[in-house]
N, C-alpha and C. Protein backbone atom coordinates (compact mmCIF):
# COMPACT_ATOMS: atom_id res chain seq x y z
N MET A 1 17.00 -71.88 105.26
CA MET A 1 16.90 -72.45 103.93
C MET A 1 16.46 -73.91 104.04
N ARG A 2 15.45 -74.29 103.25
CA ARG A 2 15.00 -75.68 103.22
C ARG A 2 15.54 -76.35 101.97
N LEU A 3 16.00 -77.59 102.11
CA LEU A 3 16.54 -78.31 100.97
C LEU A 3 15.46 -79.15 100.31
N ARG A 4 15.45 -79.16 99.00
CA ARG A 4 14.48 -79.96 98.27
C ARG A 4 14.84 -81.44 98.35
N ARG A 5 13.82 -82.30 98.15
CA ARG A 5 14.03 -83.73 98.31
C ARG A 5 13.50 -84.52 97.11
N ASN A 6 13.72 -84.03 95.92
CA ASN A 6 13.15 -84.68 94.75
C ASN A 6 14.14 -85.59 94.04
N SER A 7 15.24 -85.94 94.69
CA SER A 7 16.21 -86.87 94.11
C SER A 7 16.12 -88.20 94.86
N PRO A 8 16.82 -89.27 94.37
CA PRO A 8 16.77 -90.56 95.05
C PRO A 8 17.14 -90.45 96.52
N ARG A 9 16.54 -91.30 97.36
CA ARG A 9 16.64 -91.13 98.80
C ARG A 9 17.64 -92.08 99.45
N ARG A 10 18.47 -92.75 98.69
CA ARG A 10 19.40 -93.69 99.32
C ARG A 10 20.39 -92.93 100.19
N ILE A 11 20.44 -93.28 101.48
CA ILE A 11 21.36 -92.67 102.42
C ILE A 11 22.36 -93.74 102.84
N PHE A 12 23.61 -93.57 102.46
CA PHE A 12 24.59 -94.65 102.56
C PHE A 12 24.78 -95.14 103.98
N TRP A 13 25.09 -94.25 104.91
CA TRP A 13 25.43 -94.70 106.26
C TRP A 13 24.25 -95.34 106.98
N HIS A 14 23.02 -94.98 106.58
CA HIS A 14 21.84 -95.57 107.21
C HIS A 14 21.51 -96.94 106.63
N GLU A 15 22.06 -97.25 105.45
CA GLU A 15 21.71 -98.51 104.79
C GLU A 15 22.81 -99.55 104.85
N ARG A 16 23.95 -99.20 105.38
CA ARG A 16 25.05 -100.15 105.43
C ARG A 16 24.69 -101.34 106.31
N ARG A 17 25.11 -102.50 105.89
CA ARG A 17 24.88 -103.72 106.65
C ARG A 17 26.19 -104.49 106.74
N GLY A 18 26.91 -104.34 107.83
CA GLY A 18 28.17 -105.01 107.98
C GLY A 18 29.25 -104.37 107.12
N LYS A 19 30.31 -105.13 106.84
CA LYS A 19 31.43 -104.61 106.08
C LYS A 19 31.57 -105.39 104.79
N ALA A 20 31.60 -104.69 103.69
CA ALA A 20 31.77 -105.32 102.39
C ALA A 20 33.27 -105.51 102.12
N GLU A 21 33.56 -106.43 101.19
CA GLU A 21 34.95 -106.62 100.78
C GLU A 21 35.38 -105.43 99.93
N VAL A 22 36.48 -104.81 100.31
CA VAL A 22 36.94 -103.60 99.64
C VAL A 22 38.44 -103.74 99.36
N ASP A 23 38.81 -103.49 98.14
CA ASP A 23 40.22 -103.46 97.77
C ASP A 23 40.50 -102.16 97.02
N MET A 24 41.54 -101.45 97.42
CA MET A 24 42.02 -100.29 96.68
C MET A 24 43.52 -100.43 96.53
N THR A 25 44.02 -100.06 95.37
CA THR A 25 45.46 -100.11 95.14
C THR A 25 46.12 -98.87 95.74
N GLN A 26 47.43 -98.94 95.86
CA GLN A 26 48.17 -97.79 96.33
C GLN A 26 47.93 -96.58 95.42
N ASP A 27 47.93 -96.80 94.12
CA ASP A 27 47.74 -95.70 93.18
C ASP A 27 46.36 -95.07 93.32
N GLU A 28 45.33 -95.89 93.53
CA GLU A 28 43.98 -95.37 93.70
C GLU A 28 43.88 -94.51 94.95
N ILE A 29 44.48 -94.98 96.03
CA ILE A 29 44.45 -94.20 97.28
C ILE A 29 45.28 -92.95 97.15
N GLU A 30 46.44 -93.06 96.53
CA GLU A 30 47.31 -91.90 96.37
C GLU A 30 46.60 -90.78 95.61
N ALA A 31 45.77 -91.16 94.64
CA ALA A 31 45.06 -90.15 93.85
C ALA A 31 44.08 -89.34 94.69
N PHE A 32 43.56 -89.93 95.76
CA PHE A 32 42.63 -89.22 96.63
C PHE A 32 43.29 -88.03 97.33
N PHE A 33 44.59 -88.11 97.55
CA PHE A 33 45.28 -87.14 98.40
C PHE A 33 46.40 -86.39 97.69
N SER A 34 46.43 -86.46 96.38
CA SER A 34 47.52 -85.84 95.63
C SER A 34 46.99 -84.71 94.75
N ALA A 35 47.67 -83.59 94.81
CA ALA A 35 47.33 -82.45 93.97
C ALA A 35 48.60 -81.64 93.69
N LYS A 36 48.79 -81.29 92.42
CA LYS A 36 49.94 -80.48 92.01
C LYS A 36 51.26 -81.11 92.47
N GLY A 37 51.33 -82.44 92.37
CA GLY A 37 52.55 -83.16 92.70
C GLY A 37 52.82 -83.32 94.18
N ARG A 38 51.86 -82.98 95.01
CA ARG A 38 52.05 -83.06 96.47
C ARG A 38 51.04 -84.02 97.08
N TYR A 39 51.53 -84.87 97.96
CA TYR A 39 50.67 -85.81 98.70
C TYR A 39 50.45 -85.28 100.11
N LEU A 40 49.18 -85.24 100.54
CA LEU A 40 48.86 -84.85 101.91
C LEU A 40 47.62 -85.59 102.37
N CYS A 41 47.78 -86.38 103.40
CA CYS A 41 46.65 -87.04 104.05
C CYS A 41 46.71 -86.69 105.54
N ALA A 42 45.83 -85.80 105.95
CA ALA A 42 45.75 -85.40 107.36
C ALA A 42 44.35 -85.70 107.88
N ARG A 43 44.29 -86.04 109.15
CA ARG A 43 43.00 -86.31 109.81
C ARG A 43 42.88 -85.39 111.02
N TRP A 44 41.72 -85.44 111.63
CA TRP A 44 41.49 -84.70 112.87
C TRP A 44 42.18 -85.42 114.03
N SER A 45 42.81 -84.65 114.91
CA SER A 45 43.27 -85.19 116.19
C SER A 45 42.36 -84.74 117.32
N ARG A 46 41.83 -83.54 117.23
CA ARG A 46 40.93 -83.01 118.24
C ARG A 46 39.49 -83.43 117.94
N PRO A 47 38.62 -83.46 118.95
CA PRO A 47 37.20 -83.75 118.70
C PRO A 47 36.59 -82.74 117.74
N VAL A 48 35.61 -83.20 116.98
CA VAL A 48 34.95 -82.34 115.99
C VAL A 48 33.73 -81.66 116.62
N ALA A 49 33.69 -80.34 116.49
CA ALA A 49 32.58 -79.54 117.01
C ALA A 49 31.91 -78.84 115.84
N PRO A 50 30.82 -79.41 115.30
CA PRO A 50 30.23 -78.84 114.08
C PRO A 50 29.21 -77.74 114.37
N VAL A 51 29.09 -76.83 113.41
CA VAL A 51 28.02 -75.85 113.41
C VAL A 51 27.63 -75.62 111.95
N ILE A 52 26.33 -75.44 111.71
CA ILE A 52 25.82 -75.31 110.36
C ILE A 52 25.00 -74.04 110.27
N PHE A 53 25.29 -73.23 109.27
CA PHE A 53 24.62 -71.95 109.10
C PHE A 53 23.76 -71.97 107.84
N GLY A 54 22.58 -71.39 107.94
CA GLY A 54 21.78 -71.16 106.75
C GLY A 54 20.74 -72.20 106.44
N LEU A 55 20.48 -73.13 107.36
CA LEU A 55 19.50 -74.18 107.11
C LEU A 55 18.32 -74.07 108.07
N ALA A 56 17.14 -74.47 107.57
CA ALA A 56 15.98 -74.59 108.43
C ALA A 56 16.16 -75.78 109.38
N ASP A 57 15.40 -75.79 110.48
CA ASP A 57 15.60 -76.79 111.53
C ASP A 57 15.48 -78.21 111.02
N GLU A 58 14.50 -78.50 110.12
CA GLU A 58 14.32 -79.88 109.66
C GLU A 58 15.51 -80.36 108.83
N SER A 59 16.13 -79.46 108.05
CA SER A 59 17.32 -79.84 107.30
C SER A 59 18.54 -79.92 108.20
N LEU A 60 18.60 -79.07 109.21
CA LEU A 60 19.72 -79.06 110.14
C LEU A 60 19.85 -80.39 110.84
N ALA A 61 18.73 -80.99 111.24
CA ALA A 61 18.75 -82.28 111.93
C ALA A 61 19.35 -83.37 111.06
N ILE A 62 19.08 -83.33 109.76
CA ILE A 62 19.63 -84.32 108.85
C ILE A 62 21.14 -84.23 108.79
N PHE A 63 21.65 -83.02 108.76
CA PHE A 63 23.10 -82.84 108.68
C PHE A 63 23.79 -83.24 109.98
N ARG A 64 23.18 -82.94 111.09
CA ARG A 64 23.77 -83.35 112.37
C ARG A 64 23.81 -84.87 112.47
N ALA A 65 22.76 -85.54 112.01
CA ALA A 65 22.71 -87.00 112.05
C ALA A 65 23.78 -87.61 111.16
N ALA A 66 24.00 -87.02 109.99
CA ALA A 66 25.01 -87.55 109.06
C ALA A 66 26.41 -87.41 109.64
N ILE A 67 26.72 -86.25 110.20
CA ILE A 67 28.04 -86.04 110.80
C ILE A 67 28.26 -87.00 111.95
N THR A 68 27.24 -87.18 112.78
CA THR A 68 27.34 -88.11 113.91
C THR A 68 27.60 -89.53 113.43
N ALA A 69 26.90 -89.97 112.37
CA ALA A 69 27.05 -91.33 111.87
C ALA A 69 28.45 -91.57 111.33
N VAL A 70 28.99 -90.62 110.59
CA VAL A 70 30.33 -90.79 110.03
C VAL A 70 31.38 -90.83 111.15
N LEU A 71 31.28 -89.93 112.10
CA LEU A 71 32.25 -89.92 113.20
C LEU A 71 32.15 -91.18 114.05
N ARG A 72 30.95 -91.68 114.26
CA ARG A 72 30.80 -92.91 115.02
C ARG A 72 31.47 -94.08 114.30
N ASP A 73 31.34 -94.11 112.97
CA ASP A 73 31.90 -95.20 112.19
C ASP A 73 33.42 -95.22 112.26
N ILE A 74 34.05 -94.05 112.28
CA ILE A 74 35.52 -94.01 112.34
C ILE A 74 36.03 -93.91 113.78
N ARG A 75 35.10 -93.94 114.74
CA ARG A 75 35.42 -93.92 116.17
C ARG A 75 36.21 -92.66 116.56
N HIS A 76 35.73 -91.54 116.05
CA HIS A 76 36.35 -90.26 116.40
C HIS A 76 35.35 -89.44 117.19
N PRO A 77 35.79 -88.72 118.22
CA PRO A 77 34.84 -88.05 119.12
C PRO A 77 34.18 -86.82 118.50
N LEU A 78 32.92 -86.66 118.87
CA LEU A 78 32.12 -85.48 118.54
C LEU A 78 31.93 -84.69 119.82
N THR A 79 32.00 -83.37 119.73
CA THR A 79 31.83 -82.55 120.92
C THR A 79 30.96 -81.34 120.58
N GLU A 80 30.44 -80.70 121.61
CA GLU A 80 29.62 -79.52 121.41
C GLU A 80 30.47 -78.28 121.15
N THR A 81 31.63 -78.21 121.82
CA THR A 81 32.43 -76.99 121.75
C THR A 81 33.92 -77.31 121.72
N ASP A 82 34.63 -76.67 120.80
CA ASP A 82 36.08 -76.73 120.79
C ASP A 82 36.60 -75.63 121.73
N PRO A 83 37.53 -75.96 122.65
CA PRO A 83 37.95 -74.97 123.64
C PRO A 83 38.62 -73.74 123.05
N GLU A 84 39.20 -73.84 121.87
CA GLU A 84 39.88 -72.70 121.26
C GLU A 84 39.00 -71.94 120.27
N MET A 85 38.18 -72.67 119.51
CA MET A 85 37.45 -72.04 118.42
C MET A 85 35.93 -72.00 118.62
N GLY A 86 35.44 -72.72 119.60
CA GLY A 86 33.99 -72.86 119.76
C GLY A 86 33.49 -73.94 118.83
N ALA A 87 33.43 -73.66 117.54
CA ALA A 87 33.13 -74.67 116.51
C ALA A 87 34.35 -74.79 115.60
N ASN A 88 34.64 -76.01 115.15
CA ASN A 88 35.78 -76.19 114.26
C ASN A 88 35.42 -76.83 112.92
N LEU A 89 34.20 -77.33 112.79
CA LEU A 89 33.67 -77.75 111.49
C LEU A 89 32.48 -76.85 111.19
N MET A 90 32.67 -75.92 110.27
CA MET A 90 31.65 -74.92 109.98
C MET A 90 31.18 -75.09 108.55
N VAL A 91 29.86 -75.26 108.40
CA VAL A 91 29.26 -75.45 107.08
C VAL A 91 28.32 -74.28 106.82
N PHE A 92 28.54 -73.57 105.72
CA PHE A 92 27.77 -72.39 105.38
C PHE A 92 26.94 -72.67 104.12
N PHE A 93 25.63 -72.50 104.20
CA PHE A 93 24.75 -72.62 103.04
C PHE A 93 24.28 -71.24 102.63
N VAL A 94 24.45 -70.93 101.34
CA VAL A 94 24.01 -69.64 100.81
C VAL A 94 23.29 -69.88 99.49
N ARG A 95 22.45 -68.92 99.11
CA ARG A 95 21.81 -68.98 97.79
C ARG A 95 22.72 -68.40 96.72
N ASP A 96 23.55 -67.45 97.12
CA ASP A 96 24.48 -66.83 96.19
C ASP A 96 25.75 -66.48 96.96
N TRP A 97 26.90 -66.55 96.28
CA TRP A 97 28.17 -66.34 96.97
C TRP A 97 28.30 -64.95 97.58
N VAL A 98 27.61 -63.95 97.05
CA VAL A 98 27.74 -62.61 97.61
C VAL A 98 27.22 -62.55 99.05
N GLU A 99 26.39 -63.52 99.46
CA GLU A 99 25.92 -63.55 100.83
C GLU A 99 27.06 -63.74 101.83
N LEU A 100 28.16 -64.31 101.38
CA LEU A 100 29.31 -64.50 102.27
C LEU A 100 29.90 -63.17 102.73
N ASP A 101 29.67 -62.13 101.96
CA ASP A 101 30.20 -60.82 102.35
C ASP A 101 29.58 -60.32 103.65
N ASP A 102 28.43 -60.89 104.03
CA ASP A 102 27.75 -60.46 105.26
C ASP A 102 28.10 -61.32 106.47
N VAL A 103 28.95 -62.34 106.28
CA VAL A 103 29.33 -63.21 107.40
C VAL A 103 30.41 -62.52 108.23
N PRO A 104 30.16 -62.26 109.51
CA PRO A 104 31.15 -61.54 110.33
C PRO A 104 32.47 -62.31 110.44
N ASP A 105 33.57 -61.61 110.32
CA ASP A 105 34.92 -62.16 110.53
C ASP A 105 35.28 -63.30 109.60
N LEU A 106 34.58 -63.42 108.47
CA LEU A 106 34.87 -64.53 107.57
C LEU A 106 36.29 -64.43 107.00
N ALA A 107 36.73 -63.23 106.69
CA ALA A 107 38.08 -63.06 106.15
C ALA A 107 39.12 -63.52 107.16
N THR A 108 38.87 -63.28 108.45
CA THR A 108 39.79 -63.74 109.49
C THR A 108 39.79 -65.26 109.57
N LEU A 109 38.62 -65.87 109.48
CA LEU A 109 38.51 -67.32 109.56
C LEU A 109 39.21 -68.01 108.39
N THR A 110 39.02 -67.46 107.20
CA THR A 110 39.51 -68.13 106.00
C THR A 110 40.88 -67.65 105.56
N GLY A 111 41.25 -66.43 105.95
CA GLY A 111 42.46 -65.83 105.41
C GLY A 111 42.31 -65.39 103.97
N LEU A 112 41.05 -65.32 103.50
CA LEU A 112 40.76 -64.96 102.11
C LEU A 112 39.76 -63.80 102.09
N PRO A 113 40.23 -62.57 102.07
CA PRO A 113 39.32 -61.43 102.12
C PRO A 113 38.42 -61.30 100.90
N ASP A 114 38.80 -61.91 99.78
CA ASP A 114 38.01 -61.82 98.56
C ASP A 114 37.39 -63.17 98.19
N LEU A 115 36.99 -63.95 99.18
CA LEU A 115 36.51 -65.31 98.92
C LEU A 115 35.30 -65.32 97.99
N SER A 116 34.32 -64.49 98.25
CA SER A 116 33.11 -64.52 97.42
C SER A 116 33.43 -64.22 95.96
N ARG A 117 34.31 -63.26 95.72
CA ARG A 117 34.67 -62.92 94.34
C ARG A 117 35.42 -64.06 93.67
N ARG A 118 36.25 -64.74 94.41
CA ARG A 118 36.97 -65.88 93.83
C ARG A 118 35.99 -66.99 93.43
N LEU A 119 35.02 -67.28 94.31
CA LEU A 119 34.07 -68.35 94.03
C LEU A 119 33.16 -68.00 92.85
N ILE A 120 32.77 -66.73 92.76
CA ILE A 120 31.97 -66.29 91.62
C ILE A 120 32.77 -66.42 90.34
N ALA A 121 34.03 -65.99 90.37
CA ALA A 121 34.88 -66.06 89.17
C ALA A 121 35.10 -67.50 88.72
N ASP A 122 35.21 -68.41 89.69
CA ASP A 122 35.45 -69.82 89.38
C ASP A 122 34.17 -70.57 89.04
N LYS A 123 33.01 -69.91 89.17
CA LYS A 123 31.70 -70.55 88.97
C LYS A 123 31.57 -71.79 89.84
N ALA A 124 32.02 -71.66 91.08
CA ALA A 124 32.05 -72.80 92.00
C ALA A 124 30.66 -73.09 92.55
N GLU A 125 30.41 -74.36 92.84
CA GLU A 125 29.18 -74.77 93.52
C GLU A 125 29.44 -75.02 95.01
N GLN A 126 30.69 -75.33 95.34
CA GLN A 126 31.06 -75.59 96.73
C GLN A 126 32.55 -75.34 96.90
N TYR A 127 32.95 -75.19 98.15
CA TYR A 127 34.36 -74.94 98.44
C TYR A 127 34.66 -75.45 99.84
N ARG A 128 35.82 -76.09 100.00
CA ARG A 128 36.22 -76.64 101.30
C ARG A 128 37.61 -76.12 101.64
N LEU A 129 37.77 -75.68 102.86
CA LEU A 129 39.03 -75.08 103.31
C LEU A 129 39.42 -75.67 104.65
N PHE A 130 40.68 -76.12 104.76
CA PHE A 130 41.18 -76.69 106.00
C PHE A 130 42.14 -75.73 106.68
N ARG A 131 42.15 -75.79 108.01
CA ARG A 131 43.17 -75.15 108.83
C ARG A 131 43.82 -76.25 109.67
N PHE A 132 45.11 -76.07 110.03
CA PHE A 132 45.86 -77.16 110.63
C PHE A 132 46.49 -76.76 111.96
N ASP A 133 46.61 -77.75 112.85
CA ASP A 133 47.34 -77.58 114.11
C ASP A 133 48.84 -77.64 113.82
N PRO A 134 49.67 -77.25 114.79
CA PRO A 134 51.13 -77.26 114.56
C PRO A 134 51.68 -78.62 114.12
N ASP A 135 51.05 -79.71 114.55
CA ASP A 135 51.55 -81.03 114.15
C ASP A 135 51.07 -81.44 112.76
N GLY A 136 50.27 -80.60 112.10
CA GLY A 136 49.80 -80.90 110.76
C GLY A 136 48.44 -81.54 110.68
N SER A 137 47.87 -81.94 111.82
CA SER A 137 46.53 -82.52 111.81
C SER A 137 45.49 -81.42 111.64
N ILE A 138 44.28 -81.82 111.28
CA ILE A 138 43.23 -80.84 110.99
C ILE A 138 42.79 -80.13 112.26
N ARG A 139 42.82 -78.83 112.20
CA ARG A 139 42.36 -77.98 113.31
C ARG A 139 40.94 -77.49 113.07
N ALA A 140 40.61 -77.23 111.80
CA ALA A 140 39.29 -76.73 111.44
C ALA A 140 39.03 -77.02 109.97
N CYS A 141 37.76 -77.11 109.65
CA CYS A 141 37.33 -77.27 108.26
C CYS A 141 36.14 -76.35 108.03
N LEU A 142 36.21 -75.55 106.99
CA LEU A 142 35.12 -74.67 106.60
C LEU A 142 34.61 -75.12 105.24
N VAL A 143 33.30 -75.33 105.16
CA VAL A 143 32.67 -75.81 103.94
C VAL A 143 31.62 -74.79 103.51
N PHE A 144 31.65 -74.43 102.23
CA PHE A 144 30.72 -73.43 101.69
C PHE A 144 29.93 -74.08 100.55
N ILE A 145 28.60 -73.99 100.62
CA ILE A 145 27.73 -74.63 99.65
C ILE A 145 26.78 -73.59 99.07
N LYS A 146 26.75 -73.50 97.73
CA LYS A 146 25.79 -72.62 97.06
C LYS A 146 24.60 -73.45 96.60
N MET A 147 23.42 -73.12 97.11
CA MET A 147 22.24 -73.95 96.88
C MET A 147 21.33 -73.43 95.77
N SER A 148 21.80 -72.49 94.97
CA SER A 148 20.97 -72.00 93.87
C SER A 148 21.33 -72.68 92.55
N GLY A 149 22.31 -73.57 92.58
CA GLY A 149 22.76 -74.21 91.36
C GLY A 149 22.48 -75.69 91.33
N ALA A 150 23.48 -76.46 90.85
CA ALA A 150 23.30 -77.90 90.64
C ALA A 150 23.01 -78.65 91.92
N LEU A 151 23.52 -78.18 93.05
CA LEU A 151 23.34 -78.91 94.30
C LEU A 151 21.95 -78.76 94.88
N ALA A 152 21.14 -77.86 94.35
CA ALA A 152 19.81 -77.62 94.91
C ALA A 152 18.91 -78.85 94.84
N ASP A 153 19.14 -79.72 93.85
CA ASP A 153 18.28 -80.90 93.69
C ASP A 153 18.84 -82.14 94.36
N THR A 154 19.95 -82.01 95.06
CA THR A 154 20.53 -83.16 95.76
C THR A 154 19.72 -83.47 97.01
N HIS A 155 19.45 -84.76 97.25
CA HIS A 155 18.74 -85.13 98.47
C HIS A 155 19.55 -84.68 99.68
N PRO A 156 18.92 -84.05 100.68
CA PRO A 156 19.69 -83.51 101.81
C PRO A 156 20.50 -84.55 102.55
N GLY A 157 20.00 -85.78 102.65
CA GLY A 157 20.77 -86.82 103.33
C GLY A 157 22.04 -87.17 102.58
N GLN A 158 21.94 -87.26 101.26
CA GLN A 158 23.13 -87.55 100.46
C GLN A 158 24.13 -86.41 100.52
N LEU A 159 23.64 -85.19 100.44
CA LEU A 159 24.52 -84.03 100.52
C LEU A 159 25.20 -83.95 101.88
N ALA A 160 24.45 -84.24 102.92
CA ALA A 160 25.00 -84.19 104.28
C ALA A 160 26.13 -85.20 104.45
N GLU A 161 25.93 -86.42 103.96
CA GLU A 161 26.97 -87.44 104.09
C GLU A 161 28.20 -87.09 103.26
N THR A 162 27.99 -86.55 102.06
CA THR A 162 29.11 -86.16 101.21
C THR A 162 29.95 -85.08 101.88
N ILE A 163 29.28 -84.09 102.48
CA ILE A 163 30.00 -83.03 103.18
C ILE A 163 30.76 -83.59 104.38
N ALA A 164 30.11 -84.45 105.15
CA ALA A 164 30.75 -85.02 106.34
C ALA A 164 31.99 -85.83 105.96
N VAL A 165 31.87 -86.65 104.93
CA VAL A 165 33.00 -87.48 104.50
C VAL A 165 34.16 -86.59 104.03
N GLY A 166 33.85 -85.58 103.22
CA GLY A 166 34.89 -84.72 102.69
C GLY A 166 35.63 -83.92 103.73
N ALA A 167 35.01 -83.75 104.91
CA ALA A 167 35.65 -82.97 105.98
C ALA A 167 36.52 -83.82 106.90
N MET A 168 36.49 -85.13 106.75
CA MET A 168 37.22 -85.99 107.67
C MET A 168 38.69 -86.16 107.33
N LEU A 169 39.02 -86.04 106.04
CA LEU A 169 40.41 -86.15 105.59
C LEU A 169 40.67 -85.07 104.54
N THR A 170 41.93 -84.77 104.30
CA THR A 170 42.29 -83.74 103.32
C THR A 170 42.25 -84.32 101.90
N PHE A 171 41.07 -84.72 101.48
CA PHE A 171 40.91 -85.23 100.12
C PHE A 171 41.23 -84.12 99.12
N ALA A 172 41.96 -84.49 98.07
CA ALA A 172 42.33 -83.53 97.05
C ALA A 172 41.26 -83.39 95.97
N ARG A 173 40.23 -84.22 96.02
CA ARG A 173 39.13 -84.15 95.08
C ARG A 173 37.85 -84.56 95.78
N GLU A 174 36.74 -84.31 95.14
CA GLU A 174 35.45 -84.63 95.75
C GLU A 174 35.29 -86.14 95.89
N VAL A 175 34.78 -86.57 97.02
CA VAL A 175 34.50 -87.98 97.25
C VAL A 175 33.04 -88.13 97.63
N ARG A 176 32.49 -89.28 97.32
CA ARG A 176 31.10 -89.58 97.67
C ARG A 176 31.06 -90.81 98.56
N PRO A 177 30.09 -90.88 99.46
CA PRO A 177 30.00 -92.04 100.36
C PRO A 177 29.88 -93.35 99.57
N SER A 178 30.70 -94.31 99.95
CA SER A 178 30.70 -95.65 99.35
C SER A 178 31.38 -96.59 100.33
N GLU A 179 31.28 -97.88 100.06
CA GLU A 179 31.95 -98.85 100.93
C GLU A 179 33.46 -98.61 100.92
N GLY A 180 34.01 -98.29 99.74
CA GLY A 180 35.44 -98.06 99.66
C GLY A 180 35.88 -96.85 100.45
N VAL A 181 35.14 -95.75 100.35
CA VAL A 181 35.49 -94.54 101.08
C VAL A 181 35.31 -94.74 102.58
N ALA A 182 34.25 -95.45 102.98
CA ALA A 182 34.04 -95.72 104.40
C ALA A 182 35.20 -96.54 104.97
N ALA A 183 35.65 -97.56 104.22
CA ALA A 183 36.78 -98.37 104.67
C ALA A 183 38.06 -97.55 104.71
N LEU A 184 38.24 -96.66 103.74
CA LEU A 184 39.42 -95.81 103.71
C LEU A 184 39.46 -94.88 104.92
N LEU A 185 38.32 -94.30 105.29
CA LEU A 185 38.26 -93.46 106.49
C LEU A 185 38.63 -94.24 107.73
N ARG A 186 38.09 -95.43 107.87
CA ARG A 186 38.40 -96.23 109.06
C ARG A 186 39.89 -96.57 109.11
N ALA A 187 40.47 -96.88 107.96
CA ALA A 187 41.90 -97.20 107.93
C ALA A 187 42.74 -95.98 108.30
N ALA A 188 42.38 -94.81 107.78
CA ALA A 188 43.15 -93.60 108.06
C ALA A 188 43.04 -93.18 109.52
N TYR A 189 41.92 -93.52 110.16
CA TYR A 189 41.71 -93.16 111.57
C TYR A 189 42.12 -94.27 112.53
N ASP A 190 42.69 -95.35 112.00
CA ASP A 190 43.25 -96.38 112.88
C ASP A 190 44.36 -95.73 113.72
N PRO A 191 44.34 -95.92 115.04
CA PRO A 191 45.35 -95.27 115.90
C PRO A 191 46.79 -95.58 115.52
N ILE A 192 47.01 -96.68 114.84
CA ILE A 192 48.38 -97.05 114.47
C ILE A 192 48.89 -96.19 113.32
N MET A 193 48.00 -95.53 112.59
CA MET A 193 48.38 -94.70 111.45
C MET A 193 48.70 -93.28 111.92
N PRO A 194 49.58 -92.59 111.21
CA PRO A 194 49.93 -91.22 111.61
C PRO A 194 48.77 -90.25 111.35
N ALA A 195 48.71 -89.18 112.14
CA ALA A 195 47.66 -88.18 111.96
C ALA A 195 47.87 -87.36 110.69
N VAL A 196 49.09 -87.29 110.22
CA VAL A 196 49.38 -86.56 108.98
C VAL A 196 50.53 -87.24 108.25
N ALA A 197 50.40 -87.33 106.93
CA ALA A 197 51.45 -87.95 106.12
C ALA A 197 51.61 -87.17 104.82
N GLN A 198 52.85 -86.96 104.43
CA GLN A 198 53.14 -86.24 103.18
C GLN A 198 53.95 -87.08 102.21
N ASP A 199 54.25 -88.30 102.59
CA ASP A 199 54.98 -89.22 101.71
C ASP A 199 53.97 -90.17 101.06
N PRO A 200 53.99 -90.31 99.73
CA PRO A 200 53.04 -91.19 99.05
C PRO A 200 53.07 -92.64 99.51
N SER A 201 54.17 -93.07 100.16
CA SER A 201 54.21 -94.44 100.68
C SER A 201 53.13 -94.68 101.72
N HIS A 202 52.59 -93.60 102.29
CA HIS A 202 51.48 -93.71 103.22
C HIS A 202 50.28 -94.39 102.56
N ALA A 203 50.08 -94.15 101.26
CA ALA A 203 48.99 -94.77 100.55
C ALA A 203 49.13 -96.29 100.52
N LEU A 204 50.37 -96.79 100.45
CA LEU A 204 50.61 -98.22 100.48
C LEU A 204 50.20 -98.80 101.83
N ARG A 205 50.49 -98.08 102.90
CA ARG A 205 50.10 -98.53 104.24
C ARG A 205 48.58 -98.58 104.38
N LEU A 206 47.90 -97.57 103.81
CA LEU A 206 46.44 -97.58 103.85
C LEU A 206 45.88 -98.77 103.06
N ALA A 207 46.46 -99.03 101.89
CA ALA A 207 46.00 -100.16 101.08
C ALA A 207 46.18 -101.47 101.84
N ALA A 208 47.29 -101.59 102.55
CA ALA A 208 47.54 -102.81 103.33
C ALA A 208 46.52 -102.97 104.45
N ARG A 209 46.16 -101.87 105.09
CA ARG A 209 45.17 -101.95 106.17
C ARG A 209 43.79 -102.30 105.62
N LEU A 210 43.47 -101.80 104.45
CA LEU A 210 42.20 -102.17 103.82
C LEU A 210 42.17 -103.67 103.53
N ALA A 211 43.28 -104.19 103.02
CA ALA A 211 43.35 -105.61 102.72
C ALA A 211 43.23 -106.46 103.98
N MET A 212 43.80 -106.00 105.09
CA MET A 212 43.75 -106.75 106.35
C MET A 212 42.35 -106.74 106.95
N SER A 213 41.61 -105.62 106.79
CA SER A 213 40.32 -105.50 107.45
C SER A 213 39.16 -106.01 106.62
N SER A 214 39.38 -106.20 105.31
CA SER A 214 38.30 -106.60 104.42
C SER A 214 37.97 -108.07 104.63
N PRO A 215 36.68 -108.44 104.84
CA PRO A 215 36.32 -109.85 104.97
C PRO A 215 36.52 -110.58 103.67
N ARG A 216 36.96 -111.79 103.74
CA ARG A 216 37.21 -112.57 102.53
C ARG A 216 36.17 -113.66 102.40
N LEU A 217 35.72 -113.87 101.16
CA LEU A 217 34.74 -114.92 100.88
C LEU A 217 35.47 -116.21 100.58
N SER A 218 35.01 -117.29 101.19
CA SER A 218 35.67 -118.58 100.95
C SER A 218 35.07 -119.24 99.71
């Protein structure tokens, strides 16, 4: 599948120049990781081994470059193969959700034997699913993108960065690349921070780290 390129071409990670001043409140950060009254911010502990299905070679290169850039920025390792799973970040591109019915062992991977029917019923354009290691950190992330709808006109570089960012932490809502999100990722991947947190006070710690790392103008 080839992605169309008729939207604006700004690619965030390729255009960044240094670090901008970024401030987020505890409440703003907490909202990123809260759903149905539950707070969860988990990151990867193991190296990320990505694989992308359903793209032509020229689009595939764009996605690999975006994932590499995001991981480099947060100083997290990229690898070719996960020793247990082979690949642990899997991105599936389809024209229609029924194509997922032809993916071998997908029900085993997701634990959702009726995934395609659920996505059709929800009129979803994309879906992200995490799996976790015993300590609560991210073990795998599966991302499903339907390219026959609204996302078809998204510039591939922008879409690639959005997918990469969304797979790095257990965001409870969609996030887009920005200076604030980039700084939040770096703060969450600081070795001093826990790999997984379920107490909302964790958001206060992230806000404090953002304030410490943000350059100040005199």
